[in-house]
Amino acid sequence: MNNDQEIVQVKLDQPKNYQAATTSKAFQMKLGENKTVLVYNRINNYILDALLKAVFRDDR
């Protein structure tokens, strides 16, 4: 028996007045000479939380 996997594209109907959510930059923070963090306005809360903990961790 073959165990071939297929990828199938699924499209859902959208209402005619539907507008795709646009993502734009919420803020940019320079961390060092060669390091910059960009955060976009539709970031998930748990990702933002992990990012902020990594950037502002206290290494004392």
N, C-alpha and C. Protein backbone atom coordinates (compact mmCIF):
# COMPACT_ATOMS: atom_id res chain seq x y z
N MET A 1 0.85 -1.17 0.00
CA MET A 1 0.00 0.00 0.00
C MET A 1 0.89 1.24 0.00
N ASN A 2 0.61 2.21 -0.85
CA ASN A 2 1.37 3.45 -0.92
C ASN A 2 0.93 4.41 0.16
N ASN A 3 1.90 5.09 0.76
CA ASN A 3 1.60 6.08 1.79
C ASN A 3 1.99 7.46 1.27
N ASP A 4 1.45 7.84 0.10
CA ASP A 4 1.74 9.14 -0.49
C ASP A 4 0.87 10.20 0.15
N GLN A 5 1.50 11.30 0.54
CA GLN A 5 0.75 12.41 1.11
C GLN A 5 0.49 13.43 0.03
N GLU A 6 -0.66 14.04 0.08
CA GLU A 6 -1.02 15.06 -0.88
C GLU A 6 -1.25 16.37 -0.15
N ILE A 7 -0.89 17.45 -0.81
CA ILE A 7 -1.18 18.78 -0.29
C ILE A 7 -2.35 19.32 -1.09
N VAL A 8 -3.38 19.70 -0.39
CA VAL A 8 -4.60 20.18 -1.03
C VAL A 8 -4.86 21.60 -0.57
N GLN A 9 -5.04 22.51 -1.52
CA GLN A 9 -5.34 23.89 -1.18
C GLN A 9 -6.83 24.02 -0.90
N VAL A 10 -7.15 24.71 0.20
CA VAL A 10 -8.54 24.92 0.58
C VAL A 10 -8.79 26.42 0.63
N LYS A 11 -9.81 26.87 -0.05
CA LYS A 11 -10.17 28.29 -0.02
C LYS A 11 -11.59 28.41 0.51
N LEU A 12 -11.76 29.32 1.44
CA LEU A 12 -13.08 29.58 2.00
C LEU A 12 -13.67 30.80 1.33
N ASP A 13 -14.96 30.78 1.13
CA ASP A 13 -15.62 31.95 0.56
C ASP A 13 -15.56 33.10 1.54
N GLN A 14 -15.27 34.27 1.03
CA GLN A 14 -15.24 35.48 1.84
C GLN A 14 -16.42 36.36 1.45
N PRO A 15 -16.99 37.05 2.43
CA PRO A 15 -18.05 38.00 2.09
C PRO A 15 -17.53 39.05 1.12
N LYS A 16 -18.40 39.61 0.31
CA LYS A 16 -17.98 40.59 -0.69
C LYS A 16 -17.38 41.84 -0.06
N ASN A 17 -17.78 42.17 1.15
CA ASN A 17 -17.25 43.36 1.79
C ASN A 17 -16.03 43.04 2.67
N TYR A 18 -15.50 41.84 2.55
CA TYR A 18 -14.35 41.40 3.35
C TYR A 18 -13.08 42.12 2.88
N GLN A 19 -12.32 42.62 3.84
CA GLN A 19 -11.02 43.22 3.55
C GLN A 19 -9.98 42.43 4.32
N ALA A 20 -8.92 42.06 3.65
CA ALA A 20 -7.85 41.31 4.30
C ALA A 20 -7.20 42.19 5.36
N ALA A 21 -6.90 41.58 6.49
CA ALA A 21 -6.25 42.31 7.58
C ALA A 21 -4.83 42.68 7.14
N THR A 22 -4.52 43.93 7.25
CA THR A 22 -3.19 44.36 6.86
C THR A 22 -2.28 44.39 8.09
N THR A 23 -1.06 44.04 7.86
CA THR A 23 -0.07 44.04 8.93
C THR A 23 0.88 45.21 8.67
N SER A 24 1.09 45.99 9.70
CA SER A 24 2.02 47.10 9.58
C SER A 24 2.91 47.13 10.82
N LYS A 25 4.01 47.83 10.70
CA LYS A 25 4.98 47.88 11.79
C LYS A 25 4.40 48.68 12.95
N ALA A 26 4.41 48.08 14.15
CA ALA A 26 3.92 48.76 15.34
C ALA A 26 5.03 49.56 16.00
N PHE A 27 6.21 48.95 16.15
CA PHE A 27 7.35 49.71 16.65
C PHE A 27 8.65 49.02 16.27
N GLN A 28 9.71 49.79 16.32
CA GLN A 28 11.05 49.31 16.00
C GLN A 28 11.97 49.76 17.12
N MET A 29 12.82 48.85 17.59
CA MET A 29 13.71 49.17 18.69
C MET A 29 15.13 48.73 18.32
N LYS A 30 16.07 49.64 18.42
CA LYS A 30 17.46 49.32 18.14
C LYS A 30 18.10 48.82 19.43
N LEU A 31 18.67 47.60 19.38
CA LEU A 31 19.25 46.98 20.57
C LEU A 31 20.75 47.17 20.63
N GLY A 32 21.36 47.35 19.53
CA GLY A 32 22.81 47.51 19.48
C GLY A 32 23.19 48.04 18.12
N GLU A 33 24.48 48.03 17.85
CA GLU A 33 24.95 48.58 16.59
C GLU A 33 24.39 47.80 15.40
N ASN A 34 24.29 46.50 15.54
CA ASN A 34 23.82 45.66 14.42
C ASN A 34 22.55 44.88 14.75
N LYS A 35 21.81 45.29 15.76
CA LYS A 35 20.62 44.54 16.17
C LYS A 35 19.42 45.47 16.25
N THR A 36 18.36 45.07 15.59
CA THR A 36 17.10 45.83 15.62
C THR A 36 15.95 44.85 15.76
N VAL A 37 14.97 45.21 16.57
CA VAL A 37 13.78 44.39 16.74
C VAL A 37 12.61 45.14 16.10
N LEU A 38 11.88 44.46 15.23
CA LEU A 38 10.67 45.01 14.62
C LEU A 38 9.48 44.22 15.14
N VAL A 39 8.45 44.90 15.58
CA VAL A 39 7.22 44.26 16.04
C VAL A 39 6.08 44.78 15.20
N TYR A 40 5.29 43.87 14.68
CA TYR A 40 4.16 44.23 13.83
C TYR A 40 2.87 44.19 14.63
N ASN A 41 1.87 44.93 14.16
CA ASN A 41 0.65 45.14 14.95
C ASN A 41 -0.22 43.90 15.13
N ARG A 42 -0.01 42.84 14.42
CA ARG A 42 -0.85 41.65 14.56
C ARG A 42 -0.09 40.49 15.20
N ILE A 43 0.93 40.80 16.02
CA ILE A 43 1.73 39.76 16.67
C ILE A 43 0.88 39.05 17.74
N ASN A 44 1.08 37.76 17.88
CA ASN A 44 0.38 37.01 18.92
C ASN A 44 0.95 37.38 20.28
N ASN A 45 0.09 37.38 21.29
CA ASN A 45 0.51 37.80 22.63
C ASN A 45 1.64 36.94 23.20
N TYR A 46 1.57 35.63 22.99
CA TYR A 46 2.60 34.76 23.57
C TYR A 46 3.94 34.97 22.88
N ILE A 47 3.93 35.32 21.61
CA ILE A 47 5.18 35.60 20.90
C ILE A 47 5.77 36.93 21.39
N LEU A 48 4.92 37.94 21.55
CA LEU A 48 5.38 39.22 22.06
C LEU A 48 5.94 39.07 23.47
N ASP A 49 5.28 38.29 24.30
CA ASP A 49 5.75 38.05 25.66
C ASP A 49 7.13 37.40 25.66
N ALA A 50 7.32 36.37 24.84
CA ALA A 50 8.62 35.69 24.76
C ALA A 50 9.69 36.63 24.22
N LEU A 51 9.35 37.44 23.25
CA LEU A 51 10.30 38.40 22.69
C LEU A 51 10.75 39.41 23.73
N LEU A 52 9.80 39.97 24.45
CA LEU A 52 10.14 40.97 25.46
C LEU A 52 10.97 40.37 26.60
N LYS A 53 10.66 39.15 26.99
CA LYS A 53 11.45 38.48 28.02
C LYS A 53 12.88 38.24 27.54
N ALA A 54 13.04 37.89 26.28
CA ALA A 54 14.39 37.64 25.73
C ALA A 54 15.17 38.94 25.61
N VAL A 55 14.52 40.01 25.21
CA VAL A 55 15.21 41.29 25.03
C VAL A 55 15.56 41.93 26.36
N PHE A 56 14.65 41.87 27.33
CA PHE A 56 14.85 42.56 28.60
C PHE A 56 15.20 41.65 29.76
N ARG A 57 15.72 40.47 29.47
CA ARG A 57 16.08 39.55 30.56
C ARG A 57 17.20 40.15 31.39
N ASP A 58 17.18 39.84 32.66
CA ASP A 58 18.17 40.35 33.60
C ASP A 58 19.19 39.26 33.83
N ASP A 59 20.42 39.45 33.33
CA ASP A 59 21.46 38.44 33.42
C ASP A 59 22.34 38.57 34.66
N ARG A 60 21.86 39.22 35.66
CA ARG A 60 22.66 39.40 36.88
C ARG A 60 22.74 38.15 37.69
